[in-house]
Amino acid sequence: MKRFRIYVTCQMDDDLPYVIQHMGEDNLVIGTDYGHIDPSSDIDAIKQLRESNDLPPRTIEKILNDNPSALYGI
């Protein structure tokens, strides 16, 4: 994933500890679907991830900040 710069969008109902155990934390970003409303939209996803106790704070920051910055080159 890292070698080919493939990023995966996670959702709040994903088992993130399991996913990270198998693919690592360097290529995960979070999607919120702000642009449209459908049953899979989760407008509070960023807030929920920040408040989550399932992941270490550093992993959460990678998903919310470091990984998107690397993905978009900013």
Protein backbone atom coordinates (compact mmCIF):
# COMPACT_ATOMS: atom_id res chain seq x y z
CA MET A 1 0.00 0.00 0.00
CA LYS A 2 2.70 2.47 0.99
CA ARG A 3 4.96 1.60 -1.93
CA PHE A 4 2.23 2.31 -4.48
CA ARG A 5 0.67 5.23 -2.52
CA ILE A 6 -2.69 3.51 -2.12
CA TYR A 7 -4.91 5.07 0.55
CA VAL A 8 -8.05 3.56 2.01
CA THR A 9 -10.91 5.51 3.51
CA CYS A 10 -12.15 4.05 6.77
CA GLN A 11 -15.55 4.46 8.36
CA MET A 12 -16.41 4.64 12.03
CA ASP A 13 -18.12 1.24 11.99
CA ASP A 14 -14.95 -0.46 10.67
CA ASP A 15 -12.91 -2.56 13.09
CA LEU A 16 -9.96 -0.19 12.91
CA PRO A 17 -7.69 -2.03 15.36
CA TYR A 18 -8.08 -5.17 13.20
CA VAL A 19 -7.51 -3.27 9.94
CA ILE A 20 -4.42 -1.54 11.34
CA GLN A 21 -3.05 -4.84 12.64
CA HIS A 22 -3.09 -6.24 9.09
CA MET A 23 -2.28 -3.23 6.89
CA GLY A 24 -0.68 -0.69 9.19
CA GLU A 25 -1.73 2.87 9.93
CA ASP A 26 0.18 4.77 7.25
CA ASN A 27 -2.39 4.59 4.45
CA LEU A 28 -5.70 5.18 6.21
CA VAL A 29 -7.74 8.34 5.89
CA ILE A 30 -11.28 9.04 7.06
CA GLY A 31 -14.18 10.01 4.84
CA THR A 32 -17.20 11.98 5.90
CA ASP A 33 -19.18 12.31 2.65
CA TYR A 34 -19.95 15.96 3.35
CA GLY A 35 -20.91 16.44 -0.27
CA HIS A 36 -24.00 14.25 -0.17
CA ILE A 37 -26.39 12.60 2.24
CA ASP A 38 -26.97 8.85 2.19
CA PRO A 39 -27.22 6.13 4.84
CA SER A 40 -23.42 5.67 4.91
CA SER A 41 -22.72 9.37 5.61
CA ASP A 42 -21.20 10.10 8.98
CA ILE A 43 -20.81 13.84 9.39
CA ASP A 44 -19.44 13.42 12.93
CA ALA A 45 -16.76 10.91 11.89
CA ILE A 46 -13.83 13.19 12.71
CA LYS A 47 -15.21 14.02 16.14
CA GLN A 48 -16.02 10.37 16.81
CA LEU A 49 -12.53 9.25 15.86
CA ARG A 50 -10.93 11.94 18.05
CA GLU A 51 -13.05 10.75 21.01
CA SER A 52 -12.43 7.05 20.33
CA ASN A 53 -10.63 4.92 22.89
CA ASP A 54 -9.98 2.11 20.40
CA LEU A 55 -6.77 3.61 18.99
CA PRO A 56 -3.74 5.39 20.41
CA PRO A 57 -3.84 9.19 20.01
CA ARG A 58 -0.86 9.11 17.63
CA THR A 59 -2.68 6.70 15.29
CA ILE A 60 -5.75 8.94 15.29
CA GLU A 61 -3.61 11.95 14.38
CA LYS A 62 -2.04 9.99 11.52
CA ILE A 63 -5.47 9.11 10.13
CA LEU A 64 -6.80 12.65 10.50
CA ASN A 65 -3.73 14.74 9.66
CA ASP A 66 -0.52 13.06 8.54
CA ASN A 67 -1.98 10.57 6.08
CA PRO A 68 -4.30 13.04 4.30
CA SER A 69 -1.39 15.49 4.05
CA ALA A 70 0.76 12.80 2.42
CA LEU A 71 -2.10 11.75 0.14
CA TYR A 72 -2.76 15.28 -1.12
CA GLY A 73 0.87 16.43 -1.00
CA ILE A 74 0.28 19.28 1.44
